[in-house]
Amino acid sequence: MSAEAWTAIFTGVLAATAAWALVYARQQLRQVRESQQVQHLLRFVEQFDTEPLVNSRKSLAEKRLQGVDDPPELDNILNFFETIGLLVKRGYLDAHDVWAMFSYWMFSVFADFRDSIEQERKEDPTFYSDFTTLVERLRIIETAEHGLSDRPSRDDIEEFWRYELGLTVGLPAPKRRPRKLVRRSAKPKS
């Protein structure tokens, strides 16, 4: 074989090796990114299930059940969800993962305070814009997953606040709406 043939062979091998290395590096970077997204999400889940956020959630629930329209604790919860919305928009969190972990709360809080949020957004369109955008993204996921929790009724919202009132710090909250128990009437014995 001539020197030119060997050069062509080694150039081809080198090009194939470089292409393989690029594909491998891309896969590694994707895995690292996905791992980091999970770590970020787990930090938010932990924060959501511990003090001081649990205390804000319980206090907010108590005030909503008493009919208080704009409790100060609401800002803590909305700011938390706004931060998650920003991180989803920037790619630091995966929207589907956020749906799996927080959609029950986001849908319920958004439905209950939708009018207040929309009124504030008329005066300042940036007011909780990332949270509002995220709720719309989560609704698309909810529909794709055949869920029905994205538009809670007034009764569902009241049930949500009663559930939040019973929170215990340190216990993880279920990630979906608690199931309603269906009582069956006892059949008479024959």
Protein backbone atom coordinates (compact mmCIF):
# COMPACT_ATOMS: atom_id res chain seq x y z
CA MET A 1 0.00 0.00 0.00
CA SER A 2 1.13 3.49 -0.70
CA ALA A 3 1.72 6.17 1.89
CA GLU A 4 -1.30 8.04 0.60
CA ALA A 5 -3.55 5.01 1.20
CA TRP A 6 -2.24 4.64 4.75
CA THR A 7 -2.78 8.35 5.34
CA ALA A 8 -6.36 8.05 4.08
CA ILE A 9 -7.02 5.02 6.31
CA PHE A 10 -5.58 6.68 9.43
CA THR A 11 -7.43 9.92 8.64
CA GLY A 12 -10.68 7.94 8.36
CA VAL A 13 -10.00 6.13 11.64
CA LEU A 14 -9.16 9.43 13.32
CA ALA A 15 -12.35 11.06 11.99
CA ALA A 16 -14.49 8.11 13.15
CA THR A 17 -12.85 8.18 16.59
CA ALA A 18 -13.45 11.93 16.88
CA ALA A 19 -17.11 11.51 15.86
CA TRP A 20 -17.57 8.71 18.41
CA ALA A 21 -15.91 10.86 21.11
CA LEU A 22 -18.28 13.74 20.35
CA VAL A 23 -21.34 11.49 20.54
CA TYR A 24 -20.10 9.97 23.79
CA ALA A 25 -19.34 13.40 25.29
CA ARG A 26 -22.81 14.62 24.32
CA GLN A 27 -24.42 11.63 26.04
CA GLN A 28 -22.33 12.23 29.15
CA LEU A 29 -23.28 15.92 29.24
CA ARG A 30 -26.98 15.02 28.86
CA GLN A 31 -26.73 12.55 31.74
CA VAL A 32 -25.00 15.13 33.94
CA ARG A 33 -27.65 17.72 33.10
CA GLU A 34 -30.50 15.31 33.86
CA SER A 35 -28.84 14.37 37.14
CA GLN A 36 -28.49 18.03 38.07
CA GLN A 37 -32.16 18.66 37.22
CA VAL A 38 -33.17 15.85 39.58
CA GLN A 39 -30.91 17.22 42.33
CA HIS A 40 -32.43 20.70 41.94
CA LEU A 41 -35.92 19.23 42.05
CA LEU A 42 -35.18 17.20 45.17
CA ARG A 43 -33.92 20.33 46.92
CA PHE A 44 -37.20 22.08 46.13
CA VAL A 45 -39.24 19.09 47.30
CA GLU A 46 -37.29 19.08 50.58
CA GLN A 47 -37.78 22.81 50.99
CA PHE A 48 -41.52 22.45 50.28
CA ASP A 49 -41.91 19.71 52.90
CA THR A 50 -39.97 21.41 55.73
CA GLU A 51 -40.02 24.60 57.77
CA PRO A 52 -40.53 27.46 57.18
CA LEU A 53 -42.55 26.69 54.03
CA VAL A 54 -44.73 24.08 55.73
CA ASN A 55 -45.66 26.62 58.39
CA SER A 56 -46.54 29.16 55.69
CA ARG A 57 -48.66 26.56 53.92
CA LYS A 58 -50.52 25.62 57.09
CA SER A 59 -51.09 29.25 58.05
CA LEU A 60 -52.29 30.07 54.55
CA ALA A 61 -54.70 27.12 54.67
CA GLU A 62 -56.10 28.23 58.02
CA LYS A 63 -56.67 31.77 56.76
CA ARG A 64 -58.25 30.64 53.49
CA LEU A 65 -60.65 28.37 55.36
CA GLN A 66 -61.56 31.38 57.54
CA GLY A 67 -62.29 33.38 54.39
CA VAL A 68 -59.25 35.70 54.40
CA ASP A 69 -58.85 36.86 50.79
CA ASP A 70 -55.22 37.98 50.62
CA PRO A 71 -53.21 36.42 53.46
CA PRO A 72 -49.55 37.52 53.70
CA GLU A 73 -48.36 33.87 53.60
CA LEU A 74 -49.57 33.70 50.01
CA ASP A 75 -46.51 35.66 48.88
CA ASN A 76 -44.18 32.94 50.24
CA ILE A 77 -46.00 30.22 48.31
CA LEU A 78 -46.31 32.23 45.10
CA ASN A 79 -42.64 33.24 45.26
CA PHE A 80 -41.68 29.58 45.69
CA PHE A 81 -43.73 28.60 42.62
CA GLU A 82 -42.44 31.61 40.66
CA THR A 83 -38.88 30.46 41.31
CA ILE A 84 -39.73 26.98 40.06
CA GLY A 85 -41.33 28.54 36.98
CA LEU A 86 -38.19 30.54 36.26
CA LEU A 87 -35.97 27.48 36.63
CA VAL A 88 -38.19 25.45 34.29
CA LYS A 89 -38.06 28.28 31.75
CA ARG A 90 -34.26 28.35 31.97
CA GLY A 91 -33.94 24.56 31.70
CA TYR A 92 -32.68 23.91 35.24
CA LEU A 93 -35.80 21.89 36.04
CA ASP A 94 -37.78 19.56 33.80
CA ALA A 95 -41.46 20.59 33.39
CA HIS A 96 -42.70 16.99 33.48
CA ASP A 97 -40.83 16.34 36.74
CA VAL A 98 -42.29 19.52 38.23
CA TRP A 99 -45.73 18.37 37.11
CA ALA A 100 -45.21 15.04 38.87
CA MET A 101 -44.07 16.63 42.12
CA PHE A 102 -45.96 19.94 42.42
CA SER A 103 -48.91 20.13 40.02
CA TYR A 104 -51.56 19.38 42.68
CA TRP A 105 -50.42 22.39 44.70
CA MET A 106 -49.81 24.67 41.75
CA PHE A 107 -53.19 23.96 40.18
CA SER A 108 -55.01 24.44 43.49
CA VAL A 109 -53.21 27.64 44.52
CA PHE A 110 -53.49 29.12 41.03
CA ALA A 111 -57.21 28.30 40.80
CA ASP A 112 -57.92 29.81 44.21
CA PHE A 113 -55.95 33.02 43.61
CA ARG A 114 -56.34 33.32 39.85
CA ASP A 115 -58.42 36.50 40.00
CA SER A 116 -55.91 38.21 42.33
CA ILE A 117 -52.98 37.17 40.16
CA GLU A 118 -54.70 38.34 36.97
CA GLN A 119 -55.61 41.68 38.55
CA GLU A 120 -52.01 42.25 39.60
CA ARG A 121 -50.79 41.22 36.13
CA LYS A 122 -52.97 43.93 34.56
CA GLU A 123 -50.98 46.51 36.49
CA ASP A 124 -47.64 44.75 36.06
CA PRO A 125 -47.46 41.98 33.43
CA THR A 126 -44.32 40.53 35.05
CA PHE A 127 -46.23 39.74 38.27
CA TYR A 128 -45.80 35.96 38.72
CA SER A 129 -45.41 35.56 34.96
CA ASP A 130 -43.14 32.51 35.27
CA PHE A 131 -45.63 30.79 37.59
CA THR A 132 -48.53 31.60 35.27
CA THR A 133 -46.62 30.32 32.23
CA LEU A 134 -45.62 27.18 34.13
CA VAL A 135 -49.23 26.44 35.10
CA GLU A 136 -50.17 26.55 31.43
CA ARG A 137 -47.32 24.15 30.57
CA LEU A 138 -48.39 21.84 33.38
CA ARG A 139 -51.96 21.84 32.07
CA ILE A 140 -50.70 20.55 28.73
CA ILE A 141 -48.82 17.77 30.55
CA GLU A 142 -51.87 17.01 32.71
CA THR A 143 -54.00 16.61 29.58
CA ALA A 144 -51.36 14.44 27.88
CA GLU A 145 -51.21 12.23 30.99
CA HIS A 146 -55.03 12.00 31.06
CA GLY A 147 -55.20 13.78 34.41
CA LEU A 148 -58.16 15.81 35.64
CA SER A 149 -56.61 17.93 38.39
CA ASP A 150 -55.76 21.05 36.39
CA ARG A 151 -59.07 22.84 36.97
CA PRO A 152 -60.15 22.16 40.54
CA SER A 153 -63.69 23.03 41.61
CA ARG A 154 -64.50 25.23 44.63
CA ASP A 155 -65.09 22.04 46.65
CA ASP A 156 -61.74 20.64 45.52
CA ILE A 157 -60.02 23.85 46.59
CA GLU A 158 -61.67 23.77 50.01
CA GLU A 159 -60.65 20.12 50.38
CA PHE A 160 -57.11 21.13 49.36
CA TRP A 161 -56.93 23.77 52.12
CA ARG A 162 -58.30 21.33 54.72
CA TYR A 163 -55.59 18.87 53.67
CA GLU A 164 -52.90 21.57 53.95
CA LEU A 165 -54.14 22.48 57.42
CA GLY A 166 -53.20 18.97 58.62
CA LEU A 167 -49.59 19.09 57.42
CA THR A 168 -46.85 17.68 59.61
CA VAL A 169 -43.32 19.02 59.25
CA GLY A 170 -40.90 16.36 58.06
CA LEU A 171 -43.49 14.06 56.50
CA PRO A 172 -43.42 14.08 52.72
CA ALA A 173 -46.64 15.22 51.13
CA PRO A 174 -48.23 12.97 48.53
CA LYS A 175 -47.60 14.24 45.04
CA ARG A 176 -51.17 13.88 43.80
CA ARG A 177 -54.53 14.78 45.23
CA PRO A 178 -55.49 12.48 48.11
CA ARG A 179 -58.11 9.98 47.09
CA LYS A 180 -61.63 10.40 48.33
CA LEU A 181 -62.93 7.43 50.22
CA VAL A 182 -66.08 6.00 48.75
CA ARG A 183 -68.33 4.53 51.39
CA ARG A 184 -70.30 1.53 50.29
CA SER A 185 -73.57 0.71 51.89
CA ALA A 186 -73.64 -2.55 53.71
CA LYS A 187 -75.67 -5.25 52.04
CA PRO A 188 -78.24 -6.85 54.26
CA LYS A 189 -77.52 -10.47 55.03
CA SER A 190 -80.07 -12.88 53.67
